[in-house]
Protein backbone atom coordinates (compact mmCIF):
# COMPACT_ATOMS: atom_id res chain seq x y z
CA UNK A 1 -27.62 -162.62 -111.07
CA UNK A 2 -25.25 -165.36 -112.24
CA UNK A 3 -26.11 -168.97 -111.53
CA UNK A 4 -23.75 -170.76 -109.19
CA UNK A 5 -22.84 -174.38 -109.79
CA UNK A 6 -21.02 -176.84 -107.56
CA UNK A 7 -20.13 -179.47 -110.16
CA UNK A 8 -16.53 -180.10 -111.12
CA UNK A 9 -16.13 -178.95 -114.73
CA UNK A 10 -14.08 -181.89 -116.04
CA UNK A 11 -16.09 -184.60 -114.27
CA UNK A 12 -19.51 -185.03 -115.94
CA UNK A 13 -20.64 -187.74 -113.50
CA UNK A 14 -18.79 -187.98 -110.19
CA UNK A 15 -18.23 -191.58 -109.19
CA UNK A 16 -20.09 -192.65 -106.07
CA UNK A 17 -18.12 -194.48 -103.39
CA UNK A 18 -19.98 -197.68 -102.50
CA UNK A 19 -17.61 -198.80 -99.75
CA UNK A 20 -19.66 -200.44 -96.98
CA UNK A 21 -20.16 -198.23 -93.95
CA UNK A 22 -19.86 -199.33 -90.32
CA UNK A 23 -23.13 -200.54 -88.85
CA UNK A 24 -22.96 -199.09 -85.34
CA UNK A 25 -23.90 -195.53 -84.47
CA UNK A 26 -20.66 -194.99 -82.52
CA UNK A 27 -18.46 -196.12 -85.42
CA UNK A 28 -20.46 -193.97 -87.85
CA UNK A 29 -20.07 -190.91 -85.61
CA UNK A 30 -16.30 -191.47 -85.43
CA UNK A 31 -16.13 -191.84 -89.23
CA UNK A 32 -18.25 -188.68 -89.57
CA UNK A 33 -15.80 -186.69 -87.41
CA UNK A 34 -12.81 -187.93 -89.43
CA UNK A 35 -14.54 -187.23 -92.75
CA UNK A 36 -15.41 -183.68 -91.64
CA UNK A 37 -11.71 -183.12 -90.85
CA UNK A 38 -10.75 -184.39 -94.33
CA UNK A 39 -13.39 -182.18 -95.96
CA UNK A 40 -12.22 -179.12 -94.04
CA UNK A 41 -8.56 -179.78 -94.90
CA UNK A 42 -9.22 -180.22 -98.64
CA UNK A 43 -9.26 -177.31 -101.06
CA UNK A 44 -12.82 -176.16 -101.77
CA UNK A 45 -14.16 -177.86 -104.90
CA UNK A 46 -11.27 -180.31 -105.16
CA UNK A 47 -12.04 -183.99 -105.83
CA UNK A 48 -11.12 -184.76 -102.21
CA UNK A 49 -13.54 -182.10 -100.96
CA UNK A 50 -16.36 -183.38 -103.17
CA UNK A 51 -15.70 -187.01 -102.18
CA UNK A 52 -15.75 -186.12 -98.48
CA UNK A 53 -19.07 -184.33 -98.88
CA UNK A 54 -20.57 -187.35 -100.66
CA UNK A 55 -19.32 -189.66 -97.91
CA UNK A 56 -20.75 -187.35 -95.23
CA UNK A 57 -24.14 -187.60 -96.94
CA UNK A 58 -24.00 -191.40 -96.87
CA UNK A 59 -22.91 -191.46 -93.23
CA UNK A 60 -25.66 -189.07 -92.14
CA UNK A 61 -28.34 -191.12 -93.88
CA UNK A 62 -27.08 -194.29 -92.18
CA UNK A 63 -26.99 -192.58 -88.75
CA UNK A 64 -30.57 -191.39 -89.27
CA UNK A 65 -31.67 -194.91 -90.26
CA UNK A 66 -30.15 -196.35 -87.08
CA UNK A 67 -31.62 -193.62 -84.87
CA UNK A 68 -35.12 -194.12 -86.31
CA UNK A 69 -34.87 -197.85 -85.60
CA UNK A 70 -33.99 -197.29 -81.90
CA UNK A 71 -36.62 -197.88 -79.24
CA UNK A 72 -37.59 -195.14 -78.58
CA UNK A 73 -36.37 -193.36 -81.73
CA UNK A 74 -33.85 -190.56 -81.20
CA UNK A 75 -35.60 -188.42 -83.84
C-alpha cells in the first residue's frame, strides 16, 4: 500500500503564523468558525488550506487552555 503524505512538495518547511490570537473564548470561537469557512473554501492541499489548518490547531489549543483554567474546568 502506498504511503500518503500531506506535505506540500515545493515547501520543505511551512512557515508558522505567529500572529497573536484573541484571548477570550468567545473571540476564539468566532475566529475558529471563520477559519473553518476559509479552510473549507480553499482547494485541498493549497497553501491557503494548509495555513487554515495550522491556524485551527493554534486556536483549538488556546481554547483548551482557557477552558482548563475556568472554575470549574469545562473539560
